[in-house]
Protein backbone atom coordinates (compact mmCIF):
# COMPACT_ATOMS: atom_id res chain seq x y z
CA MET A 1 34.50 -32.82 -111.52
CA LYS A 2 35.63 -35.84 -109.98
CA THR A 3 36.37 -34.31 -106.51
CA PHE A 4 32.35 -33.08 -106.79
CA LEU A 5 31.23 -36.28 -107.43
CA THR A 6 33.81 -37.70 -104.49
CA ALA A 7 32.15 -35.10 -101.87
CA ALA A 8 28.24 -35.76 -103.24
CA VAL A 9 28.94 -39.65 -102.85
CA LEU A 10 30.29 -38.89 -99.11
CA ALA A 11 27.70 -36.54 -98.44
CA VAL A 12 24.89 -39.02 -99.31
CA CYS A 13 26.75 -41.99 -97.25
CA ALA A 14 26.99 -39.85 -93.97
CA LEU A 15 22.84 -39.32 -94.26
CA PRO A 16 21.64 -41.00 -91.03
CA ALA A 17 19.67 -44.08 -91.47
CA PHE A 18 16.26 -44.53 -90.84
CA ALA A 19 15.51 -46.08 -87.55
CA GLN A 20 14.47 -49.44 -87.69
CA THR A 21 11.98 -51.01 -84.91
CA THR A 22 12.12 -54.82 -83.66
CA PHE A 23 8.57 -56.09 -83.04
CA ASP A 24 8.00 -59.18 -81.00
CA VAL A 25 5.01 -61.25 -82.06
CA HIS A 26 2.62 -62.73 -79.89
CA LYS A 27 -0.68 -64.38 -80.27
CA ALA A 28 -4.10 -62.84 -80.00
CA ARG A 29 -8.02 -63.82 -80.06
CA GLY A 30 -10.39 -60.96 -80.91
CA SER A 31 -13.79 -59.91 -81.79
CA PHE A 32 -15.88 -57.09 -82.87
CA ALA A 33 -19.57 -56.70 -82.09
CA GLY A 34 -22.34 -54.27 -83.12
CA PHE A 35 -24.40 -52.78 -85.84
CA ILE A 36 -24.47 -52.34 -89.44
CA LYS A 37 -26.65 -49.40 -90.48
CA ASP A 38 -29.00 -50.40 -93.87
CA THR A 39 -30.63 -48.12 -95.58
CA SER A 40 -31.87 -50.29 -98.38
CA GLY A 41 -35.27 -50.18 -97.22
CA PRO A 42 -37.94 -47.06 -96.72
CA VAL A 43 -36.25 -46.59 -93.26
CA PRO A 44 -32.99 -47.12 -91.39
CA VAL A 45 -32.56 -50.48 -89.95
CA LEU A 46 -29.84 -51.50 -87.33
CA ILE A 47 -28.56 -55.32 -88.10
CA ALA A 48 -26.56 -57.18 -85.68
CA TYR A 49 -23.00 -58.06 -86.57
CA LYS A 50 -20.41 -59.66 -84.97
CA LEU A 51 -16.79 -60.59 -86.24
CA THR A 52 -14.87 -63.58 -84.49
CA THR A 53 -11.07 -64.22 -84.77
CA ASN A 54 -11.29 -66.16 -87.94
CA GLN A 55 -13.35 -63.93 -89.52
CA ILE A 56 -11.33 -61.01 -88.88
CA ILE A 57 -8.04 -62.96 -90.47
CA ASN A 58 -10.22 -63.77 -93.06
CA LEU A 59 -11.58 -60.36 -94.03
CA ALA A 60 -7.58 -58.97 -93.80
CA ARG A 61 -6.71 -61.85 -96.30
CA GLY A 62 -9.83 -60.84 -98.61
CA ARG A 63 -11.52 -64.27 -97.89
CA GLY A 64 -15.41 -64.80 -97.29
CA LEU A 65 -15.89 -64.72 -93.57
CA LYS A 66 -16.89 -68.53 -94.03
CA GLU A 67 -14.26 -69.49 -95.63
CA LYS A 68 -11.74 -72.11 -93.24
CA VAL A 69 -8.56 -70.02 -91.92
CA PRO A 70 -5.28 -71.97 -93.02
CA ALA A 71 -3.49 -73.31 -90.04
CA ASN A 72 -0.78 -71.22 -90.68
CA GLU A 73 -2.68 -67.98 -90.25
CA VAL A 74 -3.25 -66.53 -86.85
CA LEU A 75 -4.19 -63.63 -85.23
CA ALA A 76 -1.06 -61.34 -83.10
CA GLY A 77 -0.37 -58.98 -81.44
CA ALA A 78 2.83 -57.02 -82.56
CA ALA A 79 4.78 -54.49 -80.85
CA ASP A 80 7.80 -53.03 -79.36
CA PHE A 81 7.54 -54.91 -76.13
CA ASP A 82 10.78 -53.67 -74.22
CA LYS A 83 9.64 -49.89 -74.99
CA ILE A 84 6.31 -50.93 -73.55
CA PHE A 85 7.81 -52.61 -70.64
CA ALA A 86 9.71 -49.23 -69.79
CA GLY A 87 6.63 -46.95 -69.90
CA ASP A 88 7.16 -45.73 -73.35
CA PRO A 89 3.98 -44.54 -74.50
CA THR A 90 5.30 -44.15 -77.98
CA ALA A 91 6.29 -47.63 -78.52
CA PRO A 92 4.97 -48.81 -81.61
CA ARG A 93 1.90 -51.24 -81.60
CA ARG A 94 -0.25 -53.29 -84.33
CA LEU A 95 -2.73 -55.85 -84.65
CA ILE A 96 -1.45 -58.07 -87.82
CA VAL A 97 -2.16 -61.67 -89.28
CA TRP A 98 1.25 -63.71 -88.69
CA ASN A 99 2.01 -66.60 -90.93
CA THR A 100 3.64 -69.32 -88.54
CA THR A 101 5.08 -71.18 -91.11
CA THR A 102 7.27 -68.62 -92.93
CA ALA A 103 7.73 -66.51 -89.71
CA ALA A 104 6.42 -63.11 -91.61
CA SER A 105 3.57 -60.51 -91.12
CA LEU A 106 0.84 -61.10 -93.51
CA GLY A 107 -0.30 -57.64 -93.61
CA THR A 108 -1.70 -55.11 -90.57
CA ILE A 109 -5.21 -54.55 -89.50
CA MET A 110 -5.07 -51.86 -86.87
CA LEU A 111 -2.22 -49.58 -85.95
CA ALA A 112 -1.60 -47.71 -82.67
CA ASP A 113 -2.03 -43.86 -82.81
CA THR A 114 0.65 -43.26 -80.37
CA ALA A 115 0.32 -39.57 -80.47
CA THR A 116 -2.98 -40.57 -78.41
CA VAL A 117 -1.64 -43.09 -75.99
CA LYS A 118 -2.17 -42.05 -72.24
CA ALA A 119 -1.13 -44.38 -69.52
CA ALA A 120 -0.49 -44.83 -65.67
CA GLU A 121 0.64 -47.67 -63.99
CA ASN A 122 1.44 -48.66 -60.52
CA HIS A 123 4.53 -49.70 -58.95
CA PHE A 124 5.90 -53.44 -58.66
CA SER A 125 5.51 -53.15 -54.57
CA ALA A 126 1.92 -52.30 -55.06
CA LYS A 127 -0.61 -54.68 -53.71
CA GLY A 128 -2.12 -56.92 -56.63
CA GLY A 129 1.04 -56.53 -58.85
CA PHE A 130 2.04 -54.41 -61.59
CA ARG A 131 -0.57 -53.22 -64.06
CA ARG A 132 -0.84 -50.60 -66.32
CA VAL A 133 -3.73 -48.94 -67.56
CA GLY A 134 -4.06 -46.85 -70.96
CA PHE A 135 -6.36 -45.17 -73.35
CA GLY A 136 -5.76 -44.44 -77.10
CA GLU A 137 -6.96 -44.79 -80.68
CA GLY A 138 -6.30 -47.89 -83.01
CA ILE A 139 -6.36 -46.87 -86.64
CA VAL A 140 -7.83 -49.76 -89.32
CA GLN A 141 -5.81 -50.29 -91.99
CA ALA A 142 -6.95 -50.64 -95.72
CA ILE A 143 -6.41 -54.28 -95.87
CA GLY A 144 -8.04 -57.54 -97.93
CA THR A 145 -9.68 -56.88 -101.48
CA PRO A 146 -12.57 -54.85 -102.80
CA THR A 147 -14.80 -57.44 -102.28
CA ASN A 148 -13.80 -58.85 -98.87
CA GLY A 149 -11.56 -56.91 -96.52
CA PHE A 150 -11.11 -53.68 -94.43
CA ASN A 151 -11.23 -49.94 -95.64
CA SER A 152 -10.44 -47.69 -93.00
CA GLY A 153 -12.05 -46.72 -89.34
CA VAL A 154 -10.95 -45.36 -85.86
CA LEU A 155 -11.67 -47.25 -82.97
CA GLN A 156 -11.26 -45.94 -79.09
CA VAL A 157 -9.17 -48.50 -77.19
CA ASN A 158 -8.87 -49.06 -73.25
CA SER A 159 -6.07 -51.25 -72.48
CA VAL A 160 -4.78 -53.11 -69.41
CA PHE A 161 -1.42 -54.50 -69.43
CA LYS A 162 0.27 -56.88 -66.70
CA ARG A 163 2.87 -58.38 -66.26
CA THR A 164 5.10 -60.55 -63.26
CA ILE A 165 8.51 -59.48 -62.26
CA ALA A 166 11.38 -61.51 -64.47
CA PRO A 167 14.47 -62.67 -62.98
CA ALA A 168 17.50 -60.52 -63.42
CA THR A 169 18.80 -63.08 -65.98
CA SER A 170 16.29 -63.38 -68.08
CA PRO A 171 16.62 -62.05 -71.67
CA ARG A 172 13.36 -60.29 -71.86
CA PRO A 173 11.66 -58.00 -68.70
CA ALA A 174 8.41 -60.29 -69.25
CA THR A 175 5.77 -61.99 -70.92
CA PRO A 176 3.07 -59.42 -71.98
CA SER A 177 -0.77 -60.04 -71.18
CA VAL A 178 -2.84 -57.45 -72.78
CA SER A 179 -6.56 -56.93 -72.47
CA GLN A 180 -8.22 -54.23 -74.66
CA THR A 181 -11.77 -53.20 -75.27
CA MET A 182 -12.83 -50.81 -77.94
CA PHE A 183 -15.62 -49.09 -79.78
CA GLY A 184 -16.03 -46.86 -82.98
CA VAL A 185 -16.59 -46.96 -86.46
CA ILE A 186 -15.12 -49.31 -89.39
CA SER A 187 -15.54 -49.24 -93.13
CA LEU A 188 -15.60 -52.70 -94.64
CA ASN A 189 -16.50 -55.04 -97.78
CA ASP A 190 -18.13 -58.00 -96.68
CA GLY A 191 -18.80 -60.40 -99.97
CA GLY A 192 -18.63 -57.31 -102.48
CA VAL A 193 -20.90 -54.83 -100.37
CA LEU A 194 -19.67 -51.85 -98.70
CA LYS A 195 -20.58 -51.50 -94.97
CA GLU A 196 -20.65 -48.82 -92.10
CA TYR A 197 -19.75 -51.17 -89.08
CA PHE A 198 -20.67 -49.65 -85.60
CA VAL A 199 -18.43 -51.42 -83.21
CA THR A 200 -20.12 -51.31 -79.53
CA LYS A 201 -18.10 -54.07 -78.21
CA GLY A 202 -14.64 -54.84 -79.70
CA LEU A 203 -12.34 -57.38 -77.66
CA VAL A 204 -8.70 -57.92 -78.21
CA ALA A 205 -6.30 -59.92 -75.94
CA VAL A 206 -2.70 -60.84 -76.61
CA SER A 207 -0.86 -63.02 -74.37
CA GLY A 208 1.56 -66.04 -74.11
CA LYS A 209 5.01 -66.58 -75.62
CA ARG A 210 6.60 -65.05 -78.21
CA ILE A 211 5.85 -66.71 -81.70
CA GLY A 212 7.82 -64.74 -83.36
CA GLN A 213 10.17 -61.47 -84.15
CA PHE A 214 10.40 -59.21 -87.31
CA THR A 215 12.29 -55.64 -87.77
CA GLU A 216 10.97 -52.76 -89.86
């Protein structure tokens, strides 16, 4: 019996560990513009609707759209930028709310569906410098509360990624500059009202120095 238990323990210890990903965090700004379909009247009506960076943060944190965003909460892009720099389309990437005080993620708003990512790029020597263009889907996550928050959704994302050539001694290949446009449908709760949001012009920009890092 003792031999059997010993063998079982060794077998469990020999199982491969789940691979972890290190995410670099860079500040982002974003907006979603489009229409809400209102069916409360005798005929359907489209109502113009827009979410700013602060309102996106508020919904993700379960607050009303007009509430003040705490100074330590920022919208951010988090990704395995080393893989992205290397041109790996499977690199995980997400849109999050970042706590600058505790250096921790407060939740994920949208994940990239890496299986849908298609990308093309030019060489560093090309006129105009390095540029990568890509397409894929962003999966909106359930985050917030039943009163204020995101429920679900899929956005079609068009992304342009730029960077400069970094010195060989640089600890990281470069600082990213990412510009994304998107469209699709999001289900959300606004003040306790369930809304189907048709996003016709979504914008997210990620740039600047790294403001944090986490591994999971």
